[in-house]
Amino acid sequence: MGAITRVTGADETTYPPTPGGATSYSCTVLLDQYSSRDREGTQITARDVKAMIAPDAETDPRNGDSLTVAGKTFSIENVDAIQPGGVVLYWECQARKGED
């Protein structure tokens, strides 16, 4: 199990502005490593992992979200929906671990 965290900005259309915040959504996720062939000539770094998120997630992952799995937090850099026939089987995300 994991969690997708999305930060929203302040709503400037209200007076006073409504502050933004972070919302967490649970998800089922599997982490995998990228192969050297996947990394070659791409923007996939050594800190990146492949996160496959099941469609049972409470929300779809988006670029800029955070993903927390087993106490480790990653930033979501890229999202591809794997959806043959128009039905999402899972989301494949390029997730980047912060520098320690």
Protein backbone atom coordinates (compact mmCIF):
# COMPACT_ATOMS: atom_id res chain seq x y z
CA MET A 1 0.00 0.00 0.00
CA GLY A 2 1.03 3.55 -0.60
CA ALA A 3 -0.27 7.10 -0.63
CA ILE A 4 -0.46 9.78 -3.30
CA THR A 5 -0.22 13.29 -1.83
CA ARG A 6 -1.44 16.28 -3.82
CA VAL A 7 -0.78 19.87 -2.72
CA THR A 8 -3.31 22.49 -3.75
CA GLY A 9 -2.67 26.20 -3.90
CA ALA A 10 -4.68 28.90 -2.18
CA ASP A 11 -8.04 29.83 -3.72
CA GLU A 12 -7.59 33.51 -4.57
CA THR A 13 -11.19 33.85 -5.81
CA THR A 14 -12.54 33.99 -2.25
CA TYR A 15 -12.11 36.73 0.31
CA PRO A 16 -10.13 36.17 2.38
CA PRO A 17 -8.31 33.64 0.21
CA THR A 18 -8.93 30.04 1.23
CA PRO A 19 -5.59 28.44 2.09
CA GLY A 20 -4.42 25.44 0.12
CA GLY A 21 -3.30 22.21 1.68
CA ALA A 22 -2.15 18.67 1.11
CA THR A 23 -4.53 15.77 0.60
CA SER A 24 -3.48 12.11 0.73
CA TYR A 25 -5.14 9.33 -1.26
CA SER A 26 -4.47 5.64 -0.65
CA CYS A 27 -3.31 3.41 -3.49
CA THR A 28 -1.94 -0.01 -4.27
CA VAL A 29 1.53 0.35 -5.74
CA LEU A 30 4.38 -1.85 -6.93
CA LEU A 31 7.90 -0.43 -7.27
CA ASP A 32 10.43 -1.71 -9.81
CA GLN A 33 13.87 -0.61 -11.01
CA TYR A 34 14.58 0.76 -14.48
CA SER A 35 17.05 -1.26 -16.56
CA SER A 36 20.20 0.32 -17.98
CA ARG A 37 18.58 0.10 -21.42
CA ASP A 38 15.56 2.10 -20.13
CA ARG A 39 17.85 4.82 -18.75
CA GLU A 40 20.17 5.14 -21.75
CA GLY A 41 19.59 8.38 -23.63
CA THR A 42 16.60 9.39 -21.47
CA GLN A 43 15.92 11.68 -18.55
CA ILE A 44 15.55 8.72 -16.18
CA THR A 45 18.13 9.18 -13.42
CA ALA A 46 19.73 6.70 -11.03
CA ARG A 47 17.35 7.96 -8.30
CA ASP A 48 14.25 7.04 -10.34
CA VAL A 49 12.07 3.98 -9.86
CA LYS A 50 9.13 2.70 -11.87
CA ALA A 51 5.94 2.88 -9.80
CA MET A 52 2.96 0.93 -11.08
CA ILE A 53 -0.23 2.17 -9.42
CA ALA A 54 -3.40 0.07 -9.57
CA PRO A 55 -6.68 1.61 -10.77
CA ASP A 56 -8.18 1.09 -7.29
CA ALA A 57 -6.36 4.28 -6.18
CA GLU A 58 -8.58 6.97 -4.71
CA THR A 59 -7.28 9.39 -7.39
CA ASP A 60 -5.21 9.26 -10.55
CA PRO A 61 -1.53 10.15 -10.08
CA ARG A 62 -0.35 13.41 -11.66
CA ASN A 63 3.00 15.05 -12.34
CA GLY A 64 4.08 16.96 -9.24
CA ASP A 65 2.29 14.67 -6.77
CA SER A 66 4.25 12.86 -4.06
CA LEU A 67 4.15 9.11 -3.61
CA THR A 68 4.91 7.51 -0.24
CA VAL A 69 5.65 3.79 -0.09
CA ALA A 70 7.07 1.94 2.94
CA GLY A 71 8.14 5.20 4.58
CA LYS A 72 9.99 6.49 1.49
CA THR A 73 8.73 9.54 -0.39
CA PHE A 74 9.14 10.03 -4.13
CA SER A 75 8.13 12.88 -6.45
CA ILE A 76 6.13 11.84 -9.49
CA GLU A 77 7.94 13.10 -12.58
CA ASN A 78 5.98 11.43 -15.37
CA VAL A 79 2.72 9.46 -15.62
CA ASP A 80 1.56 7.11 -18.37
CA ALA A 81 -1.83 5.43 -18.23
CA ILE A 82 -1.58 1.84 -19.47
CA GLN A 83 -5.03 1.55 -21.02
CA PRO A 84 -5.48 -0.87 -23.90
CA GLY A 85 -9.04 -0.64 -25.15
CA GLY A 86 -9.64 2.59 -23.22
CA VAL A 87 -9.73 0.97 -19.74
CA VAL A 88 -6.92 1.88 -17.33
CA LEU A 89 -5.13 -1.29 -16.19
CA TYR A 90 -2.59 0.72 -14.16
CA TRP A 91 -0.61 3.95 -14.18
CA GLU A 92 3.12 3.68 -14.81
CA CYS A 93 4.94 6.52 -13.06
CA GLN A 94 8.52 7.70 -13.11
CA ALA A 95 9.05 8.38 -9.41
CA ARG A 96 12.17 10.16 -8.12
CA LYS A 97 13.65 9.77 -4.66
CA GLY A 98 14.96 12.99 -3.12
CA GLU A 99 18.65 13.39 -2.40
CA ASP A 100 19.64 12.11 1.02
